[in-house]
Amino acid sequence: MVFTHQCFSQAGIRFRELSCNDALATAAQENKPVFVLCYESTCGHCEKMMQEIFPDSALAAFYNEHFICIRQEATSAEGRKLAGTYSVSSYPTYVITNAQGDALYQFCGEYKAEDFIHHGLQALLTENQLPYLKERAENNLHDSVACYKYILALNRGRLPTQNAAEKYFAANKEHFEIHSGNWKILSAGVSDIRSEPFQFIVEHQDTFALVVGRKKVERKLYVTCAYCLQTSANANDTVRYFANREAALQLQKHAVDSLVFMLDLSVYEKNNQAAKYLERAFDGAALYVWHDAGHLRRIAERFVDACVRWQEGDT
């Protein structure tokens, strides 16, 4: 609390003490968009931005002139509501809305002052705003450039991109050309390993490799699997995890199989499924972690713990 008070009492961006609804009403009165800082009080990136970047005089002058600036802490009631409304998944996230509360522009992370001003300038231009980019992409689903620009804008704010990629793919799948433009859309937009666009990448991975290189294709396959598997494993959503697991194993990629092995152990341990943990560890340790002392030690500790429990139960 002391840190937060000190940060916002500095000269710099003038964050108004307004609720979200009051900020929207003020935006309508002053004919300005709303700039919302979504932050966590324990976030090191947030701290750096507030202590080192937001006090910059040029940056502050620009944002104070062009936006109604407010901030919301992630754990507050309004912060949680904002996270749901604007799909905020990391901090700091910056959301720029119109007076109706529609997201116009969204971006995340640390920036230098001049780059932060640049994002503010871009956000004021209609052609860079999410509603405009979405309309352009969806009104011409054969325009790969429009689709890619929209997906890039979504990615900038860490917003979901799967739907945009699927709409484009569905409209073009009968004659889906394998070229760099379509690769960019699939690479940047597809995040679901059980989706039809991802399966298209898998089925045509050799052809895509001729266009963009084998390394990029292999990385896309691994990163997408990792995202789907880790998201469901971290949430302990075992139904989704094992559905994603099945799709991932069908790739028959050693790096993916190794990831699945480690996440299997994590899921079994988290759910106190000792027998399944030990069976999986026994079958996979030599294949995936034989040269990793840290993982081998953790597995060994679980085996010892299981033996101790069995002996205690036996006596």
C-alpha atoms as a PDB file:
ATOM      1  CA  MET A   1       0.000   0.000   0.000  1.00  0.00           C
ATOM      2  CA  VAL A   2       2.853   2.383   0.821  1.00  0.00           C
ATOM      3  CA  PHE A   3       4.542   1.540  -2.485  1.00  0.00           C
ATOM      4  CA  THR A   4       1.360   2.179  -4.452  1.00  0.00           C
ATOM      5  CA  HIS A   5       0.738   5.505  -2.705  1.00  0.00           C
ATOM      6  CA  GLN A   6       4.287   6.672  -3.362  1.00  0.00           C
ATOM      7  CA  CYS A   7       4.134   5.713  -7.022  1.00  0.00           C
ATOM      8  CA  PHE A   8       0.927   7.544  -7.765  1.00  0.00           C
ATOM      9  CA  SER A   9       1.816  10.617  -5.715  1.00  0.00           C
ATOM     10  CA  GLN A  10       4.745  11.322  -8.064  1.00  0.00           C
ATOM     11  CA  ALA A  11       4.483  13.849 -10.879  1.00  0.00           C
ATOM     12  CA  GLY A  12       3.523  12.002 -14.038  1.00  0.00           C
ATOM     13  CA  ILE A  13       0.387  10.494 -15.476  1.00  0.00           C
ATOM     14  CA  ARG A  14      -2.555  11.891 -13.523  1.00  0.00           C
ATOM     15  CA  PHE A  15      -4.631   8.870 -12.600  1.00  0.00           C
ATOM     16  CA  ARG A  16      -8.030  10.145 -11.601  1.00  0.00           C
ATOM     17  CA  GLU A  17      -9.742   8.604  -8.605  1.00  0.00           C
ATOM     18  CA  LEU A  18     -12.783   7.489 -10.598  1.00  0.00           C
ATOM     19  CA  SER A  19     -14.701   4.259 -10.869  1.00  0.00           C
ATOM     20  CA  CYS A  20     -14.882   2.714 -14.328  1.00  0.00           C
ATOM     21  CA  ASN A  21     -18.448   3.955 -14.836  1.00  0.00           C
ATOM     22  CA  ASP A  22     -17.518   7.465 -13.722  1.00  0.00           C
ATOM     23  CA  ALA A  23     -14.495   7.423 -16.038  1.00  0.00           C
ATOM     24  CA  LEU A  24     -16.748   6.539 -18.981  1.00  0.00           C
ATOM     25  CA  ALA A  25     -19.137   9.366 -18.093  1.00  0.00           C
ATOM     26  CA  THR A  26     -16.206  11.793 -17.847  1.00  0.00           C
ATOM     27  CA  ALA A  27     -14.885  10.546 -21.190  1.00  0.00           C
ATOM     28  CA  ALA A  28     -18.222  11.364 -22.805  1.00  0.00           C
ATOM     29  CA  GLN A  29     -18.192  14.847 -21.270  1.00  0.00           C
ATOM     30  CA  GLU A  30     -14.595  15.634 -22.255  1.00  0.00           C
ATOM     31  CA  ASN A  31     -14.736  13.778 -25.591  1.00  0.00           C
ATOM     32  CA  LYS A  32     -11.674  11.671 -24.778  1.00  0.00           C
ATOM     33  CA  PRO A  33     -10.998   7.942 -24.649  1.00  0.00           C
ATOM     34  CA  VAL A  34     -10.278   6.228 -21.334  1.00  0.00           C
ATOM     35  CA  PHE A  35      -6.829   4.859 -20.538  1.00  0.00           C
ATOM     36  CA  VAL A  36      -6.988   2.089 -17.909  1.00  0.00           C
ATOM     37  CA  LEU A  37      -3.899   0.745 -16.177  1.00  0.00           C
ATOM     38  CA  CYS A  38      -4.575  -2.793 -14.915  1.00  0.00           C
ATOM     39  CA  TYR A  39      -1.842  -3.666 -12.416  1.00  0.00           C
ATOM     40  CA  GLU A  40      -0.900  -5.879  -9.486  1.00  0.00           C
ATOM     41  CA  SER A  41       0.651  -4.371  -6.366  1.00  0.00           C
ATOM     42  CA  THR A  42       3.182  -7.231  -6.237  1.00  0.00           C
ATOM     43  CA  CYS A  43       4.102  -7.097  -9.947  1.00  0.00           C
ATOM     44  CA  GLY A  44       7.726  -6.110 -10.632  1.00  0.00           C
ATOM     45  CA  HIS A  45       6.938  -4.987 -14.185  1.00  0.00           C
ATOM     46  CA  CYS A  46       4.120  -2.789 -12.877  1.00  0.00           C
ATOM     47  CA  GLU A  47       6.462  -1.308 -10.280  1.00  0.00           C
ATOM     48  CA  LYS A  48       9.059  -0.445 -12.901  1.00  0.00           C
ATOM     49  CA  MET A  49       6.521   1.270 -15.141  1.00  0.00           C
ATOM     50  CA  MET A  50       5.078   3.292 -12.267  1.00  0.00           C
ATOM     51  CA  GLN A  51       8.394   4.300 -10.750  1.00  0.00           C
ATOM     52  CA  GLU A  52      10.530   4.839 -13.837  1.00  0.00           C
ATOM     53  CA  ILE A  53       8.321   5.394 -16.896  1.00  0.00           C
ATOM     54  CA  PHE A  54       5.047   7.054 -15.935  1.00  0.00           C
ATOM     55  CA  PRO A  55       6.793  10.025 -14.255  1.00  0.00           C
ATOM     56  CA  ASP A  56       8.374  10.960 -17.621  1.00  0.00           C
ATOM     57  CA  SER A  57       7.234  14.503 -18.366  1.00  0.00           C
ATOM     58  CA  ALA A  58       6.629  14.068 -22.108  1.00  0.00           C
ATOM     59  CA  LEU A  59       4.751  10.823 -21.588  1.00  0.00           C
ATOM     60  CA  ALA A  60       2.650  12.275 -18.784  1.00  0.00           C
ATOM     61  CA  ALA A  61       1.821  15.403 -20.769  1.00  0.00           C
ATOM     62  CA  PHE A  62       0.636  13.327 -23.730  1.00  0.00           C
ATOM     63  CA  TYR A  63      -1.544  10.922 -21.736  1.00  0.00           C
ATOM     64  CA  ASN A  64      -2.974  13.608 -19.459  1.00  0.00           C
ATOM     65  CA  GLU A  65      -3.983  15.672 -22.500  1.00  0.00           C
ATOM     66  CA  HIS A  66      -5.497  12.922 -24.629  1.00  0.00           C
ATOM     67  CA  PHE A  67      -7.001  10.419 -22.179  1.00  0.00           C
ATOM     68  CA  ILE A  68      -9.053  10.056 -19.029  1.00  0.00           C
ATOM     69  CA  CYS A  69      -6.512   8.041 -17.046  1.00  0.00           C
ATOM     70  CA  ILE A  70      -7.514   5.631 -14.284  1.00  0.00           C
ATOM     71  CA  ARG A  71      -5.953   2.573 -12.675  1.00  0.00           C
ATOM     72  CA  GLN A  72      -7.355  -0.627 -11.203  1.00  0.00           C
ATOM     73  CA  GLU A  73      -5.530  -3.104  -8.983  1.00  0.00           C
ATOM     74  CA  ALA A  74      -6.061  -6.724 -10.013  1.00  0.00           C
ATOM     75  CA  THR A  75      -7.449  -7.958  -6.689  1.00  0.00           C
ATOM     76  CA  SER A  76      -9.997  -5.148  -6.260  1.00  0.00           C
ATOM     77  CA  ALA A  77     -13.635  -5.756  -7.179  1.00  0.00           C
ATOM     78  CA  GLU A  78     -13.379  -3.455 -10.203  1.00  0.00           C
ATOM     79  CA  GLY A  79     -10.022  -4.966 -11.128  1.00  0.00           C
ATOM     80  CA  ARG A  80     -11.523  -8.455 -11.260  1.00  0.00           C
ATOM     81  CA  LYS A  81     -14.462  -7.171 -13.270  1.00  0.00           C
ATOM     82  CA  LEU A  82     -12.128  -5.458 -15.735  1.00  0.00           C
ATOM     83  CA  ALA A  83     -10.071  -8.632 -16.134  1.00  0.00           C
ATOM     84  CA  GLY A  84     -13.207 -10.512 -17.142  1.00  0.00           C
ATOM     85  CA  THR A  85     -14.540  -7.819 -19.440  1.00  0.00           C
ATOM     86  CA  TYR A  86     -11.279  -7.232 -21.327  1.00  0.00           C
ATOM     87  CA  SER A  87      -9.708 -10.703 -21.001  1.00  0.00           C
ATOM     88  CA  VAL A  88      -6.787  -9.383 -18.964  1.00  0.00           C
ATOM     89  CA  SER A  89      -4.433 -12.283 -18.297  1.00  0.00           C
ATOM     90  CA  SER A  90      -1.146 -10.578 -17.359  1.00  0.00           C
ATOM     91  CA  TYR A  91       0.055  -7.408 -15.698  1.00  0.00           C
ATOM     92  CA  PRO A  92       0.538  -4.642 -16.448  1.00  0.00           C
ATOM     93  CA  THR A  93      -2.128  -4.470 -19.147  1.00  0.00           C
ATOM     94  CA  TYR A  94      -3.237  -1.162 -20.652  1.00  0.00           C
ATOM     95  CA  VAL A  95      -6.761  -0.902 -22.055  1.00  0.00           C
ATOM     96  CA  ILE A  96      -7.946   2.102 -24.048  1.00  0.00           C
ATOM     97  CA  THR A  97     -11.713   2.340 -24.436  1.00  0.00           C
ATOM     98  CA  ASN A  98     -14.265   4.717 -25.885  1.00  0.00           C
ATOM     99  CA  ALA A  99     -16.945   6.362 -23.754  1.00  0.00           C
ATOM    100  CA  GLN A 100     -19.177   3.304 -24.219  1.00  0.00           C
ATOM    101  CA  GLY A 101     -16.544   1.021 -22.699  1.00  0.00           C
ATOM    102  CA  ASP A 102     -15.597  -0.720 -25.952  1.00  0.00           C
ATOM    103  CA  ALA A 103     -11.928  -1.706 -26.109  1.00  0.00           C
ATOM    104  CA  LEU A 104     -10.218   0.288 -28.850  1.00  0.00           C
ATOM    105  CA  TYR A 105      -6.616  -0.723 -28.209  1.00  0.00           C
ATOM    106  CA  GLN A 106      -4.875  -3.011 -25.744  1.00  0.00           C
ATOM    107  CA  PHE A 107      -1.226  -3.704 -24.951  1.00  0.00           C
ATOM    108  CA  CYS A 108       0.837  -5.262 -22.163  1.00  0.00           C
ATOM    109  CA  GLY A 109       4.205  -5.274 -20.451  1.00  0.00           C
ATOM    110  CA  GLU A 110       7.149  -2.935 -19.964  1.00  0.00           C
ATOM    111  CA  TYR A 111       8.001  -0.095 -22.363  1.00  0.00           C
ATOM    112  CA  LYS A 112      10.351   2.814 -22.674  1.00  0.00           C
ATOM    113  CA  ALA A 113       8.684   6.225 -22.478  1.00  0.00           C
ATOM    114  CA  GLU A 114       8.934   6.932 -26.214  1.00  0.00           C
ATOM    115  CA  ASP A 115       7.453   3.527 -27.064  1.00  0.00           C
ATOM    116  CA  PHE A 116       4.610   4.065 -24.620  1.00  0.00           C
ATOM    117  CA  ILE A 117       3.828   7.403 -26.257  1.00  0.00           C
ATOM    118  CA  HIS A 118       3.913   5.655 -29.636  1.00  0.00           C
ATOM    119  CA  HIS A 119       1.238   3.197 -28.488  1.00  0.00           C
ATOM    120  CA  GLY A 120      -0.888   6.088 -27.281  1.00  0.00           C
ATOM    121  CA  LEU A 121      -0.584   7.788 -30.662  1.00  0.00           C
ATOM    122  CA  GLN A 122      -1.465   4.570 -32.485  1.00  0.00           C
ATOM    123  CA  ALA A 123      -4.491   4.058 -30.253  1.00  0.00           C
ATOM    124  CA  LEU A 124      -5.948   7.398 -31.334  1.00  0.00           C
ATOM    125  CA  LEU A 125      -5.986   6.397 -35.017  1.00  0.00           C
ATOM    126  CA  THR A 126      -9.154   4.623 -36.144  1.00  0.00           C
ATOM    127  CA  GLU A 127      -7.283   2.306 -38.516  1.00  0.00           C
ATOM    128  CA  ASN A 128      -5.362   0.810 -35.578  1.00  0.00           C
ATOM    129  CA  GLN A 129      -8.358   0.243 -33.336  1.00  0.00           C
ATOM    130  CA  LEU A 130      -9.809  -3.183 -32.602  1.00  0.00           C
ATOM    131  CA  PRO A 131     -13.396  -2.555 -33.804  1.00  0.00           C
ATOM    132  CA  TYR A 132     -12.135  -1.214 -37.156  1.00  0.00           C
ATOM    133  CA  LEU A 133      -9.650  -4.064 -37.632  1.00  0.00           C
ATOM    134  CA  LYS A 134     -12.246  -6.669 -36.670  1.00  0.00           C
ATOM    135  CA  GLU A 135     -14.796  -5.259 -39.116  1.00  0.00           C
ATOM    136  CA  ARG A 136     -12.242  -5.204 -41.946  1.00  0.00           C
ATOM    137  CA  ALA A 137     -11.171  -8.778 -41.265  1.00  0.00           C
ATOM    138  CA  GLU A 138     -14.681 -10.186 -40.948  1.00  0.00           C
ATOM    139  CA  ASN A 139     -16.127  -8.292 -43.905  1.00  0.00           C
ATOM    140  CA  ASN A 140     -13.528  -9.780 -46.236  1.00  0.00           C
ATOM    141  CA  LEU A 141     -12.531 -13.211 -44.994  1.00  0.00           C
ATOM    142  CA  HIS A 142     -10.364 -13.771 -48.065  1.00  0.00           C
ATOM    143  CA  ASP A 143      -8.083 -10.843 -47.201  1.00  0.00           C
ATOM    144  CA  SER A 144      -5.055 -12.364 -45.466  1.00  0.00           C
ATOM    145  CA  VAL A 145      -3.508  -8.964 -44.739  1.00  0.00           C
ATOM    146  CA  ALA A 146      -6.630  -7.697 -42.943  1.00  0.00           C
ATOM    147  CA  CYS A 147      -6.892 -10.898 -40.914  1.00  0.00           C
ATOM    148  CA  TYR A 148      -3.232 -10.803 -39.933  1.00  0.00           C
ATOM    149  CA  LYS A 149      -3.412  -7.159 -38.825  1.00  0.00           C
ATOM    150  CA  TYR A 150      -6.394  -7.959 -36.631  1.00  0.00           C
ATOM    151  CA  ILE A 151      -4.650 -10.976 -35.081  1.00  0.00           C
ATOM    152  CA  LEU A 152      -1.531  -8.872 -34.406  1.00  0.00           C
ATOM    153  CA  ALA A 153      -3.671  -6.284 -32.609  1.00  0.00           C
ATOM    154  CA  LEU A 154      -5.258  -9.029 -30.492  1.00  0.00           C
ATOM    155  CA  ASN A 155      -1.856 -10.521 -29.694  1.00  0.00           C
ATOM    156  CA  ARG A 156      -0.559  -7.118 -28.595  1.00  0.00           C
ATOM    157  CA  GLY A 157      -3.128  -7.171 -25.803  1.00  0.00           C
ATOM    158  CA  ARG A 158      -2.811 -10.934 -25.200  1.00  0.00           C
ATOM    159  CA  LEU A 159      -6.393 -11.349 -26.311  1.00  0.00           C
ATOM    160  CA  PRO A 160      -7.827 -14.590 -27.752  1.00  0.00           C
ATOM    161  CA  THR A 161      -6.989 -15.076 -31.434  1.00  0.00           C
ATOM    162  CA  GLN A 162      -8.312 -18.568 -32.151  1.00  0.00           C
ATOM    163  CA  ASN A 163     -11.744 -17.387 -33.294  1.00  0.00           C
ATOM    164  CA  ALA A 164     -10.300 -14.923 -35.819  1.00  0.00           C
ATOM    165  CA  ALA A 165      -7.980 -17.578 -37.258  1.00  0.00           C
ATOM    166  CA  GLU A 166     -10.765 -20.156 -37.461  1.00  0.00           C
ATOM    167  CA  LYS A 167     -13.111 -17.795 -39.320  1.00  0.00           C
ATOM    168  CA  TYR A 168     -10.436 -17.054 -41.898  1.00  0.00           C
ATOM    169  CA  PHE A 169      -9.514 -20.716 -42.255  1.00  0.00           C
ATOM    170  CA  ALA A 170     -13.152 -21.830 -42.618  1.00  0.00           C
ATOM    171  CA  ALA A 171     -13.749 -19.283 -45.379  1.00  0.00           C
ATOM    172  CA  ASN A 172     -10.663 -20.396 -47.312  1.00  0.00           C
ATOM    173  CA  LYS A 173     -10.101 -24.051 -46.415  1.00  0.00           C
ATOM    174  CA  GLU A 174     -11.379 -25.473 -49.721  1.00  0.00           C
ATOM    175  CA  HIS A 175      -8.431 -23.837 -51.482  1.00  0.00           C
ATOM    176  CA  PHE A 176      -6.161 -22.898 -48.590  1.00  0.00           C
ATOM    177  CA  GLU A 177      -2.852 -21.875 -50.114  1.00  0.00           C
ATOM    178  CA  ILE A 178       0.406 -22.652 -48.371  1.00  0.00           C
ATOM    179  CA  HIS A 179       2.309 -19.393 -48.500  1.00  0.00           C
ATOM    180  CA  SER A 180       3.967 -17.037 -46.016  1.00  0.00           C
ATOM    181  CA  GLY A 181       0.855 -14.874 -45.585  1.00  0.00           C
ATOM    182  CA  ASN A 182      -1.342 -17.776 -44.552  1.00  0.00           C
ATOM    183  CA  TRP A 183       1.450 -19.170 -42.383  1.00  0.00           C
ATOM    184  CA  LYS A 184       1.576 -15.883 -40.470  1.00  0.00           C
ATOM    185  CA  ILE A 185      -2.144 -16.128 -39.741  1.00  0.00           C
ATOM    186  CA  LEU A 186      -1.956 -19.723 -38.552  1.00  0.00           C
ATOM    187  CA  SER A 187       1.260 -19.187 -36.615  1.00  0.00           C
ATOM    188  CA  ALA A 188       0.069 -16.046 -34.822  1.00  0.00           C
ATOM    189  CA  GLY A 189      -3.596 -16.964 -34.475  1.00  0.00           C
ATOM    190  CA  VAL A 190      -3.999 -20.691 -33.796  1.00  0.00           C
ATOM    191  CA  SER A 191      -3.818 -21.703 -30.134  1.00  0.00           C
ATOM    192  CA  ASP A 192      -6.016 -24.823 -29.959  1.00  0.00           C
ATOM    193  CA  ILE A 193      -4.251 -28.094 -30.835  1.00  0.00           C
ATOM    194  CA  ARG A 194      -7.582 -29.855 -31.337  1.00  0.00           C
ATOM    195  CA  SER A 195      -8.814 -27.308 -33.876  1.00  0.00           C
ATOM    196  CA  GLU A 196      -9.052 -27.857 -37.625  1.00  0.00           C
ATOM    197  CA  PRO A 197      -6.509 -25.113 -38.484  1.00  0.00           C
ATOM    198  CA  PHE A 198      -3.909 -26.712 -36.204  1.00  0.00           C
ATOM    199  CA  GLN A 199      -4.503 -30.114 -37.750  1.00  0.00           C
ATOM    200  CA  PHE A 200      -3.979 -28.499 -41.139  1.00  0.00           C
ATOM    201  CA  ILE A 201      -0.539 -27.325 -39.979  1.00  0.00           C
ATOM    202  CA  VAL A 202       0.256 -30.850 -38.783  1.00  0.00           C
ATOM    203  CA  GLU A 203      -0.862 -32.455 -42.032  1.00  0.00           C
ATOM    204  CA  HIS A 204       1.077 -29.967 -44.164  1.00  0.00           C
ATOM    205  CA  GLN A 205       4.082 -29.387 -41.932  1.00  0.00           C
ATOM    206  CA  ASP A 206       6.573 -30.565 -44.556  1.00  0.00           C
ATOM    207  CA  THR A 207       5.173 -28.193 -47.169  1.00  0.00           C
ATOM    208  CA  PHE A 208       5.091 -25.287 -44.736  1.00  0.00           C
ATOM    209  CA  ALA A 209       8.705 -26.081 -43.848  1.00  0.00           C
ATOM    210  CA  LEU A 210       9.669 -25.458 -47.483  1.00  0.00           C
ATOM    211  CA  VAL A 211       8.083 -21.998 -47.251  1.00  0.00           C
ATOM    212  CA  VAL A 212       9.117 -20.743 -43.789  1.00  0.00           C
ATOM    213  CA  GLY A 213      11.754 -23.230 -42.635  1.00  0.00           C
ATOM    214  CA  ARG A 214      11.595 -26.396 -40.559  1.00  0.00           C
ATOM    215  CA  LYS A 215      12.602 -24.633 -37.331  1.00  0.00           C
ATOM    216  CA  LYS A 216       9.611 -22.263 -37.391  1.00  0.00           C
ATOM    217  CA  VAL A 217       7.174 -25.093 -38.054  1.00  0.00           C
ATOM    218  CA  GLU A 218       8.599 -27.275 -35.272  1.00  0.00           C
ATOM    219  CA  ARG A 219       8.529 -24.354 -32.863  1.00  0.00           C
ATOM    220  CA  LYS A 220       4.885 -23.588 -33.703  1.00  0.00           C
ATOM    221  CA  LEU A 221       3.864 -27.190 -33.085  1.00  0.00           C
ATOM    222  CA  TYR A 222       5.684 -27.321 -29.747  1.00  0.00           C
ATOM    223  CA  VAL A 223       4.636 -23.895 -28.450  1.00  0.00           C
ATOM    224  CA  THR A 224       0.958 -24.491 -29.246  1.00  0.00           C
ATOM    225  CA  CYS A 225       1.028 -27.880 -27.526  1.00  0.00           C
ATOM    226  CA  ALA A 226       2.794 -26.366 -24.520  1.00  0.00           C
ATOM    227  CA  TYR A 227       0.230 -23.565 -24.257  1.00  0.00           C
ATOM    228  CA  CYS A 228      -2.775 -25.898 -24.379  1.00  0.00           C
ATOM    229  CA  LEU A 229      -1.315 -28.524 -22.071  1.00  0.00           C
ATOM    230  CA  GLN A 230       0.119 -26.171 -19.468  1.00  0.00           C
ATOM    231  CA  THR A 231      -3.010 -24.003 -19.351  1.00  0.00           C
ATOM    232  CA  SER A 232      -5.258 -26.964 -18.575  1.00  0.00           C
ATOM    233  CA  ALA A 233      -2.707 -28.609 -16.253  1.00  0.00           C
ATOM    234  CA  ASN A 234      -2.172 -25.406 -14.263  1.00  0.00           C
ATOM    235  CA  ALA A 235      -5.938 -25.021 -13.866  1.00  0.00           C
ATOM    236  CA  ASN A 236      -6.151 -28.714 -12.898  1.00  0.00           C
ATOM    237  CA  ASP A 237      -8.772 -29.136 -15.625  1.00  0.00           C
ATOM    238  CA  THR A 238      -8.093 -32.841 -16.049  1.00  0.00           C
ATOM    239  CA  VAL A 239     -10.839 -33.399 -18.648  1.00  0.00           C
ATOM    240  CA  ARG A 240      -9.373 -30.797 -20.980  1.00  0.00           C
ATOM    241  CA  TYR A 241      -5.799 -31.767 -20.126  1.00  0.00           C
ATOM    242  CA  PHE A 242      -6.209 -35.406 -21.151  1.00  0.00           C
ATOM    243  CA  ALA A 243      -8.113 -34.425 -24.310  1.00  0.00           C
ATOM    244  CA  ASN A 244      -5.254 -32.073 -25.241  1.00  0.00           C
ATOM    245  CA  ARG A 245      -2.735 -34.720 -24.209  1.00  0.00           C
ATOM    246  CA  GLU A 246      -4.202 -37.212 -26.669  1.00  0.00           C
ATOM    247  CA  ALA A 247      -3.945 -34.702 -29.515  1.00  0.00           C
ATOM    248  CA  ALA A 248      -0.376 -33.773 -28.556  1.00  0.00           C
ATOM    249  CA  LEU A 249       0.858 -37.362 -28.446  1.00  0.00           C
ATOM    250  CA  GLN A 250      -0.422 -37.953 -31.975  1.00  0.00           C
ATOM    251  CA  LEU A 251       2.283 -35.587 -33.236  1.00  0.00           C
ATOM    252  CA  GLN A 252       4.971 -38.100 -32.254  1.00  0.00           C
ATOM    253  CA  LYS A 253       7.485 -35.366 -31.444  1.00  0.00           C
ATOM    254  CA  HIS A 254      10.067 -36.179 -28.766  1.00  0.00           C
ATOM    255  CA  ALA A 255      10.035 -32.643 -27.337  1.00  0.00           C
ATOM    256  CA  VAL A 256       6.234 -32.731 -27.032  1.00  0.00           C
ATOM    257  CA  ASP A 257       6.273 -36.248 -25.545  1.00  0.00           C
ATOM    258  CA  SER A 258       8.819 -35.088 -22.976  1.00  0.00           C
ATOM    259  CA  LEU A 259       6.591 -32.147 -22.032  1.00  0.00           C
ATOM    260  CA  VAL A 260       3.601 -34.478 -21.720  1.00  0.00           C
ATOM    261  CA  PHE A 261       5.606 -36.761 -19.428  1.00  0.00           C
ATOM    262  CA  MET A 262       6.487 -33.943 -17.041  1.00  0.00           C
ATOM    263  CA  LEU A 263       2.946 -32.545 -17.017  1.00  0.00           C
ATOM    264  CA  ASP A 264       1.502 -36.018 -16.442  1.00  0.00           C
ATOM    265  CA  LEU A 265       3.606 -36.286 -13.292  1.00  0.00           C
ATOM    266  CA  SER A 266       2.473 -32.836 -12.184  1.00  0.00           C
ATOM    267  CA  VAL A 267      -1.214 -33.646 -12.727  1.00  0.00           C
ATOM    268  CA  TYR A 268      -0.968 -37.018 -10.961  1.00  0.00           C
ATOM    269  CA  GLU A 269       0.905 -35.490  -8.034  1.00  0.00           C
ATOM    270  CA  LYS A 270      -1.531 -32.592  -7.736  1.00  0.00           C
ATOM    271  CA  ASN A 271      -4.462 -35.029  -7.613  1.00  0.00           C
ATOM    272  CA  ASN A 272      -2.790 -37.485  -5.199  1.00  0.00           C
ATOM    273  CA  GLN A 273      -2.805 -40.297  -7.765  1.00  0.00           C
ATOM    274  CA  ALA A 274       0.316 -41.996  -6.447  1.00  0.00           C
ATOM    275  CA  ALA A 275      -0.062 -45.277  -8.342  1.00  0.00           C
ATOM    276  CA  LYS A 276      -0.422 -43.512 -11.696  1.00  0.00           C
ATOM    277  CA  TYR A 277       2.452 -41.182 -10.834  1.00  0.00           C
ATOM    278  CA  LEU A 278       4.801 -44.056 -10.025  1.00  0.00           C
ATOM    279  CA  GLU A 279       3.770 -46.054 -13.084  1.00  0.00           C
ATOM    280  CA  ARG A 280       4.283 -43.096 -15.419  1.00  0.00           C
ATOM    281  CA  ALA A 281       7.584 -42.153 -13.796  1.00  0.00           C
ATOM    282  CA  PHE A 282       8.882 -45.710 -14.020  1.00  0.00           C
ATOM    283  CA  ASP A 283       7.963 -45.987 -17.713  1.00  0.00           C
ATOM    284  CA  GLY A 284       9.176 -42.554 -18.809  1.00  0.00           C
ATOM    285  CA  ALA A 285      12.106 -41.434 -16.670  1.00  0.00           C
ATOM    286  CA  ALA A 286      14.752 -43.158 -18.803  1.00  0.00           C
ATOM    287  CA  LEU A 287      13.258 -41.720 -22.008  1.00  0.00           C
ATOM    288  CA  TYR A 288      12.774 -38.104 -20.990  1.00  0.00           C
ATOM    289  CA  VAL A 289      14.729 -37.059 -17.875  1.00  0.00           C
ATOM    290  CA  TRP A 290      17.586 -39.534 -17.555  1.00  0.00           C
ATOM    291  CA  HIS A 291      20.173 -36.732 -17.754  1.00  0.00           C
ATOM    292  CA  ASP A 292      18.229 -34.269 -15.578  1.00  0.00           C
ATOM    293  CA  ALA A 293      19.398 -34.680 -11.988  1.00  0.00           C
ATOM    294  CA  GLY A 294      16.780 -32.314 -10.577  1.00  0.00           C
ATOM    295  CA  HIS A 295      13.821 -34.175 -12.045  1.00  0.00           C
ATOM    296  CA  LEU A 296      15.290 -37.578 -11.213  1.00  0.00           C
ATOM    297  CA  ARG A 297      15.774 -36.530  -7.601  1.00  0.00           C
ATOM    298  CA  ARG A 298      12.159 -35.334  -7.355  1.00  0.00           C
ATOM    299  CA  ILE A 299      10.879 -38.589  -8.840  1.00  0.00           C
ATOM    300  CA  ALA A 300      13.065 -40.586  -6.452  1.00  0.00           C
ATOM    301  CA  GLU A 301      11.662 -38.635  -3.505  1.00  0.00           C
ATOM    302  CA  ARG A 302       8.138 -39.534  -4.602  1.00  0.00           C
ATOM    303  CA  PHE A 303       9.143 -43.221  -4.822  1.00  0.00           C
ATOM    304  CA  VAL A 304      10.658 -43.109  -1.327  1.00  0.00           C
ATOM    305  CA  ASP A 305       7.570 -41.358   0.015  1.00  0.00           C
ATOM    306  CA  ALA A 306       5.326 -44.029  -1.531  1.00  0.00           C
ATOM    307  CA  CYS A 307       7.447 -46.816  -0.004  1.00  0.00           C
ATOM    308  CA  VAL A 308       7.270 -45.217   3.431  1.00  0.00           C
ATOM    309  CA  ARG A 309       3.492 -44.880   3.204  1.00  0.00           C
ATOM    310  CA  TRP A 310       3.151 -48.466   2.064  1.00  0.00           C
ATOM    311  CA  GLN A 311       5.260 -49.717   4.987  1.00  0.00           C
ATOM    312  CA  GLU A 312       3.312 -47.644   7.479  1.00  0.00           C
ATOM    313  CA  GLY A 313       0.070 -48.963   6.090  1.00  0.00           C
ATOM    314  CA  ASP A 314       1.389 -52.535   6.087  1.00  0.00           C
ATOM    315  CA  THR A 315       2.368 -52.376   9.742  1.00  0.00           C
END
